[in-house]
Amino acid sequence: MTTPVSDSVMTVKEVADYLRVNQRTVYRLAVERRLPGFKVGATWRFKRNDIDAWIAAQSSGVGPSEATGAPGEVKKT
């Protein structure tokens, strides 16, 4: 079974290429919890959907949970 591209998991290098930034920038943002990601062992991984929501949130000025409508999150008014 093939995983849809939107649900794919990306590496630091793939995210850096996608965002057109340095890999160190991706790592720094992930460590600071400013970029949504998770660790598998010692390496960072990122869901493409989360990165796309983060991009939308950066563009619109809302938090990532507000952009994705995450369950249990209360929107600020």
Protein backbone atom coordinates (compact mmCIF):
# COMPACT_ATOMS: atom_id res chain seq x y z
CA MET A 1 0.00 0.00 0.00
CA THR A 2 1.32 3.45 -0.89
CA THR A 3 1.23 6.31 1.62
CA PRO A 4 -0.29 9.53 0.26
CA VAL A 5 2.28 12.31 -0.17
CA SER A 6 0.39 14.57 2.24
CA ASP A 7 0.86 12.00 5.04
CA SER A 8 4.53 11.40 4.33
CA VAL A 9 7.20 11.73 6.98
CA MET A 10 10.14 13.94 6.08
CA THR A 11 13.74 14.10 7.30
CA VAL A 12 15.61 17.25 8.32
CA LYS A 13 17.21 17.37 4.86
CA GLU A 14 13.87 16.98 3.09
CA VAL A 15 12.27 19.74 5.19
CA ALA A 16 15.27 22.00 4.58
CA ASP A 17 14.97 21.44 0.83
CA TYR A 18 11.19 21.95 0.98
CA LEU A 19 11.52 25.24 2.91
CA ARG A 20 14.69 26.25 1.04
CA VAL A 21 16.63 26.81 4.25
CA ASN A 22 19.75 25.33 5.79
CA GLN A 23 19.46 22.01 7.65
CA ARG A 24 20.79 23.74 10.77
CA THR A 25 17.83 26.12 10.66
CA VAL A 26 15.37 23.20 10.59
CA TYR A 27 17.18 21.48 13.46
CA ARG A 28 17.29 24.69 15.54
CA LEU A 29 13.58 25.43 14.99
CA ALA A 30 12.69 21.83 15.89
CA VAL A 31 14.76 21.90 19.09
CA GLU A 32 13.15 25.22 20.06
CA ARG A 33 9.71 23.66 19.36
CA ARG A 34 8.99 26.40 16.83
CA LEU A 35 8.68 23.81 14.01
CA PRO A 36 6.37 20.81 14.49
CA GLY A 37 8.33 17.58 14.55
CA PHE A 38 9.14 14.50 16.57
CA LYS A 39 12.20 12.43 17.32
CA VAL A 40 12.71 8.82 16.31
CA GLY A 41 15.69 7.76 18.35
CA ALA A 42 18.21 10.55 17.85
CA THR A 43 16.83 11.84 14.54
CA TRP A 44 14.10 14.37 13.84
CA ARG A 45 11.11 13.57 11.61
CA PHE A 46 8.36 15.85 10.34
CA LYS A 47 4.89 15.17 8.90
CA ARG A 48 4.32 17.03 5.63
CA ASN A 49 0.80 18.03 6.74
CA ASP A 50 2.23 19.60 9.91
CA ILE A 51 4.87 21.49 7.93
CA ASP A 52 2.24 22.77 5.48
CA ALA A 53 0.05 23.91 8.40
CA TRP A 54 3.08 25.60 9.97
CA ILE A 55 3.75 27.45 6.71
CA ALA A 56 0.11 28.58 6.56
CA ALA A 57 0.27 29.73 10.18
CA GLN A 58 3.46 31.71 9.52
CA SER A 59 1.78 33.41 6.56
CA SER A 60 -1.48 34.22 8.34
CA GLY A 61 -0.13 35.01 11.81
CA VAL A 62 -2.11 32.30 13.65
CA GLY A 63 -0.68 29.42 15.67
CA PRO A 64 -0.27 26.00 14.01
CA SER A 65 -3.02 24.37 16.11
CA GLU A 66 -5.42 27.10 15.03
CA ALA A 67 -4.48 26.64 11.38
CA THR A 68 -5.05 22.87 11.53
CA GLY A 69 -8.06 22.97 13.84
CA ALA A 70 -6.45 20.40 16.12
CA PRO A 71 -8.94 18.61 18.36
CA GLY A 72 -9.08 19.95 21.88
CA GLU A 73 -7.55 23.27 20.92
CA VAL A 74 -9.50 26.41 21.70
CA LYS A 75 -9.29 29.17 19.12
CA LYS A 76 -8.40 32.59 20.48
CA THR A 77 -10.88 35.36 19.71
